[in-house]
Amino acid sequence: MRQLKKILKDIKYIIFFDLESTQIHHYVISIGASKVEIDEKGKIKKEIKNFYTLVKPLERVGRVVKDLTKLDEKTLYKKGIDFPKAIDKFYELFKTSIHRTIFFTYGNSDKHMLINTCQDDVTREKVLKIIKRTYDFSSIISTYIKDTNGNILSLQKLVKLFNLETSIDAHNALSDALDLKNIYRAFIENKELLYENYRKIIMSYGNLPYPLQQVLNKLKKNESVTPEMLDAFIRKEIDD
């Protein structure tokens, strides 16, 4: 997991976060986050704080989003706060340790939602500091775990794969942030499951050069492979 180790170098805190947004222009309507402290190997050693807030919408929510999130304009205007204030509260989670903090989302859409919802330069400056230190965890875990068609698994499918209990409700920002945190923990600690799924991915590669594909075919059949065999396959590819 070299990619992850590189990201976590000199990092002490991880904030897992998720957003829900309006349907048309994807303005943020809720923010959920969970902050943890990690050890030098990236394992979670301390749960620090969870964060959740509703945000007053900058446009109509949209029927699809209402159905998924159970959030409507009336609820958001009554219980939500303005986006700049929401970012201020979120910023309190890490402002004293931002240089030792990174953020994980699942997918890249959350970063676009954040910057898209900014309406003033002060808020935008804070958001850009977050985005600069935000990484898409799906791009890391999908190196080792994919579905049978080579596609990235959803959070819900990863929860089932790692035999985890979902936190609250799907399409709730805090629930998804907590699920992401638990998936990260399982990813770090359940090496055997990771090994099994990574092996399946490697064995299913179909676009390898001919010599490597022949070697892989032999390994699939539990046959021994030697450097001389690889040389023979290379020569065959050149001679044919």
Protein backbone atom coordinates (compact mmCIF):
# COMPACT_ATOMS: atom_id res chain seq x y z
CA MET A 1 0.00 0.00 0.00
CA ARG A 2 2.73 2.39 -1.03
CA GLN A 3 0.30 5.06 -2.25
CA LEU A 4 -1.43 5.25 1.12
CA LYS A 5 1.84 5.25 3.06
CA LYS A 6 3.03 8.20 1.00
CA ILE A 7 -0.18 10.14 1.72
CA LEU A 8 -0.01 9.39 5.45
CA LYS A 9 3.61 10.43 5.91
CA ASP A 10 3.86 12.83 8.91
CA ILE A 11 0.06 12.82 9.29
CA LYS A 12 -1.51 12.57 12.73
CA TYR A 13 -5.21 13.10 11.99
CA ILE A 14 -7.67 11.96 9.34
CA ILE A 15 -11.07 13.53 8.79
CA PHE A 16 -13.49 11.38 6.82
CA PHE A 17 -16.28 13.50 5.38
CA ASP A 18 -19.27 13.34 3.09
CA LEU A 19 -21.69 15.88 1.65
CA GLU A 20 -25.24 15.86 0.35
CA SER A 21 -26.27 18.44 -2.22
CA THR A 22 -29.13 19.86 -4.26
CA GLN A 23 -30.09 18.11 -7.46
CA ILE A 24 -29.45 20.72 -10.14
CA HIS A 25 -26.34 22.74 -9.25
CA HIS A 26 -25.08 20.48 -6.45
CA TYR A 27 -25.04 23.08 -3.70
CA VAL A 28 -24.22 21.58 -0.30
CA ILE A 29 -27.19 20.86 1.99
CA SER A 30 -25.48 18.75 4.67
CA ILE A 31 -21.98 17.99 5.93
CA GLY A 32 -20.98 14.92 7.92
CA ALA A 33 -17.47 14.22 9.22
CA SER A 34 -15.54 12.05 11.64
CA LYS A 35 -12.07 12.95 12.93
CA VAL A 36 -9.62 10.30 14.18
CA GLU A 37 -6.03 10.16 15.34
CA ILE A 38 -3.78 7.57 13.71
CA ASP A 39 -0.51 5.92 14.70
CA GLU A 40 2.66 5.75 12.62
CA LYS A 41 1.28 2.75 10.68
CA GLY A 42 -1.96 4.49 9.79
CA LYS A 43 -4.11 2.56 12.26
CA ILE A 44 -6.86 4.46 14.04
CA LYS A 45 -5.85 4.76 17.67
CA LYS A 46 -8.36 7.35 18.88
CA GLU A 47 -11.82 8.56 17.87
CA ILE A 48 -11.84 12.31 18.38
CA LYS A 49 -15.08 13.91 17.21
CA ASN A 50 -18.01 13.57 14.82
CA PHE A 51 -19.55 16.55 13.08
CA TYR A 52 -22.89 17.01 11.35
CA THR A 53 -24.84 20.01 10.17
CA LEU A 54 -27.62 20.82 7.76
CA VAL A 55 -27.08 23.72 5.37
CA LYS A 56 -29.69 26.14 4.05
CA PRO A 57 -30.07 25.42 0.32
CA LEU A 58 -29.19 27.95 -2.37
CA GLU A 59 -31.86 26.46 -4.65
CA ARG A 60 -34.67 23.89 -4.59
CA VAL A 61 -33.46 20.52 -3.38
CA GLY A 62 -35.00 18.42 -6.14
CA ARG A 63 -37.31 15.40 -5.95
CA VAL A 64 -34.60 12.75 -6.40
CA VAL A 65 -32.47 14.23 -3.60
CA LYS A 66 -35.53 14.55 -1.35
CA ASP A 67 -36.34 10.89 -1.84
CA LEU A 68 -32.75 9.79 -1.18
CA THR A 69 -31.88 12.04 1.77
CA LYS A 70 -35.33 12.66 3.30
CA LEU A 71 -34.36 16.35 3.37
CA ASP A 72 -36.59 19.08 1.97
CA GLU A 73 -36.45 22.87 1.81
CA LYS A 74 -38.68 23.33 4.87
CA THR A 75 -36.46 21.16 7.06
CA LEU A 76 -33.25 22.71 5.75
CA TYR A 77 -34.42 26.31 6.23
CA LYS A 78 -35.68 25.50 9.72
CA LYS A 79 -32.74 23.41 10.99
CA GLY A 80 -29.91 24.37 8.65
CA ILE A 81 -27.33 27.14 8.84
CA ASP A 82 -25.78 29.26 6.11
CA PHE A 83 -22.92 27.60 4.24
CA PRO A 84 -20.19 30.05 5.45
CA LYS A 85 -21.18 29.35 9.06
CA ALA A 86 -21.19 25.59 8.35
CA ILE A 87 -17.67 25.83 6.95
CA ASP A 88 -16.57 27.85 9.98
CA LYS A 89 -17.85 25.10 12.30
CA PHE A 90 -16.25 22.39 10.16
CA TYR A 91 -12.99 24.35 10.12
CA GLU A 92 -12.90 24.31 13.93
CA LEU A 93 -12.24 20.53 13.72
CA PHE A 94 -8.76 20.95 12.35
CA LYS A 95 -7.62 24.59 12.14
CA THR A 96 -4.94 24.12 14.84
CA SER A 97 -3.54 20.98 13.22
CA ILE A 98 -4.22 21.40 9.51
CA HIS A 99 -0.63 20.64 8.48
CA ARG A 100 -0.87 17.25 10.18
CA THR A 101 -4.40 16.53 8.95
CA ILE A 102 -5.70 15.03 5.73
CA PHE A 103 -9.26 14.47 4.53
CA PHE A 104 -10.74 11.41 2.87
CA THR A 105 -13.88 11.39 0.76
CA TYR A 106 -15.31 8.59 -1.37
CA GLY A 107 -15.18 9.94 -4.90
CA ASN A 108 -14.25 13.42 -6.12
CA SER A 109 -17.72 14.97 -6.24
CA ASP A 110 -17.52 16.32 -2.68
CA LYS A 111 -14.64 18.64 -3.56
CA HIS A 112 -16.61 20.08 -6.48
CA MET A 113 -19.69 20.56 -4.26
CA LEU A 114 -17.65 22.52 -1.71
CA ILE A 115 -16.09 24.94 -4.15
CA ASN A 116 -19.36 25.25 -6.08
CA THR A 117 -21.27 26.39 -2.97
CA CYS A 118 -18.83 29.16 -2.00
CA GLN A 119 -20.37 32.61 -2.24
CA ASP A 120 -17.57 34.74 -0.76
CA ASP A 121 -13.77 34.86 -0.79
CA VAL A 122 -13.29 34.12 2.92
CA THR A 123 -15.28 30.90 2.71
CA ARG A 124 -13.58 29.98 -0.56
CA GLU A 125 -10.13 30.38 1.04
CA LYS A 126 -11.05 27.95 3.83
CA VAL A 127 -12.60 25.51 1.38
CA LEU A 128 -9.49 25.56 -0.80
CA LYS A 129 -7.35 24.64 2.22
CA ILE A 130 -9.60 21.63 2.76
CA ILE A 131 -9.59 20.60 -0.90
CA LYS A 132 -5.80 20.87 -1.09
CA ARG A 133 -5.51 18.18 1.58
CA THR A 134 -8.41 15.98 0.43
CA TYR A 135 -7.90 12.55 -1.14
CA ASP A 136 -10.35 10.23 -2.84
CA PHE A 137 -10.23 6.96 -0.88
CA SER A 138 -12.05 5.09 -3.67
CA SER A 139 -8.99 5.53 -5.92
CA ILE A 140 -6.84 3.85 -3.24
CA ILE A 141 -9.06 0.94 -2.27
CA SER A 142 -10.07 0.18 -5.88
CA THR A 143 -6.46 -0.79 -6.60
CA TYR A 144 -7.05 -3.85 -4.43
CA ILE A 145 -10.82 -4.38 -4.49
CA LYS A 146 -13.18 -4.21 -7.49
CA ASP A 147 -16.34 -5.96 -8.62
CA THR A 148 -16.27 -8.77 -11.20
CA ASN A 149 -16.45 -6.23 -14.04
CA GLY A 150 -13.53 -4.21 -12.74
CA ASN A 151 -15.70 -1.39 -11.38
CA ILE A 152 -15.26 0.54 -8.13
CA LEU A 153 -17.49 -0.75 -5.35
CA SER A 154 -19.98 1.56 -3.63
CA LEU A 155 -19.65 2.35 0.07
CA GLN A 156 -22.63 0.10 0.79
CA LYS A 157 -21.05 -2.86 -1.03
CA LEU A 158 -17.75 -2.34 0.79
CA VAL A 159 -19.62 -2.32 4.11
CA LYS A 160 -21.04 -5.75 3.22
CA LEU A 161 -17.70 -7.04 1.90
CA PHE A 162 -15.92 -6.16 5.15
CA ASN A 163 -18.90 -7.45 7.15
CA LEU A 164 -19.47 -4.09 8.83
CA GLU A 165 -22.65 -2.63 10.26
CA THR A 166 -23.80 0.53 8.52
CA SER A 167 -23.81 3.53 10.84
CA ILE A 168 -27.18 5.28 10.40
CA ASP A 169 -28.83 5.59 6.98
CA ALA A 170 -27.57 5.52 3.43
CA HIS A 171 -27.42 9.02 1.89
CA ASN A 172 -27.02 10.62 5.30
CA ALA A 173 -23.78 12.62 5.26
CA LEU A 174 -22.66 11.58 8.74
CA SER A 175 -23.62 7.95 8.14
CA ASP A 176 -21.54 7.83 4.96
CA ALA A 177 -18.60 9.52 6.70
CA LEU A 178 -18.73 6.94 9.50
CA ASP A 179 -19.01 4.10 7.00
CA LEU A 180 -15.95 5.45 5.20
CA LYS A 181 -14.04 5.60 8.48
CA ASN A 182 -14.96 1.99 9.30
CA ILE A 183 -14.03 0.83 5.80
CA TYR A 184 -10.65 2.56 6.18
CA ARG A 185 -10.11 0.77 9.50
CA ALA A 186 -11.00 -2.59 7.95
CA PHE A 187 -8.79 -1.83 4.94
CA ILE A 188 -5.82 -1.21 7.24
CA GLU A 189 -6.43 -4.14 9.58
CA ASN A 190 -8.00 -6.91 7.45
CA LYS A 191 -5.00 -7.77 5.28
CA GLU A 192 -6.22 -11.28 4.50
CA LEU A 193 -9.43 -10.07 2.84
CA LEU A 194 -7.41 -7.46 0.98
CA TYR A 195 -5.00 -10.15 -0.21
CA GLU A 196 -7.81 -12.38 -1.47
CA ASN A 197 -9.49 -9.61 -3.45
CA TYR A 198 -6.25 -8.21 -4.83
CA ARG A 199 -5.28 -11.69 -6.01
CA LYS A 200 -8.60 -11.98 -7.88
CA ILE A 201 -7.94 -8.67 -9.63
CA ILE A 202 -4.44 -9.70 -10.66
CA MET A 203 -5.63 -13.09 -11.90
CA SER A 204 -8.37 -11.47 -13.97
CA TYR A 205 -6.11 -9.12 -15.93
CA GLY A 206 -6.73 -9.68 -19.62
CA ASN A 207 -4.72 -6.97 -21.33
CA LEU A 208 -1.24 -8.04 -20.29
CA PRO A 209 1.51 -8.61 -22.87
CA TYR A 210 1.46 -12.17 -24.25
CA PRO A 211 4.47 -13.48 -22.23
CA LEU A 212 3.06 -12.25 -18.92
CA GLN A 213 -0.41 -13.55 -19.76
CA GLN A 214 1.04 -17.02 -20.37
CA VAL A 215 2.85 -16.92 -17.06
CA LEU A 216 -0.34 -15.83 -15.34
CA ASN A 217 -2.30 -18.65 -16.99
CA LYS A 218 0.15 -21.18 -15.58
CA LEU A 219 -0.13 -19.67 -12.12
CA LYS A 220 -3.92 -19.88 -12.32
CA LYS A 221 -3.51 -23.63 -12.88
CA ASN A 222 -1.12 -23.83 -9.90
CA GLU A 223 1.73 -24.73 -12.25
CA SER A 224 5.32 -23.78 -11.53
CA VAL A 225 6.87 -20.91 -13.47
CA THR A 226 10.58 -20.30 -14.00
CA PRO A 227 12.54 -17.38 -15.47
CA GLU A 228 13.41 -19.67 -18.39
CA MET A 229 9.71 -20.13 -19.17
CA LEU A 230 9.20 -16.37 -19.26
CA ASP A 231 12.19 -16.07 -21.62
CA ALA A 232 10.66 -18.76 -23.85
CA PHE A 233 7.33 -16.93 -24.00
CA ILE A 234 9.12 -13.68 -24.84
CA ARG A 235 11.02 -15.38 -27.68
CA LYS A 236 7.83 -16.98 -28.96
CA GLU A 237 6.14 -13.58 -29.07
CA ILE A 238 9.06 -12.17 -31.08
CA ASP A 239 9.33 -15.17 -33.43
CA ASP A 240 5.63 -15.64 -34.20
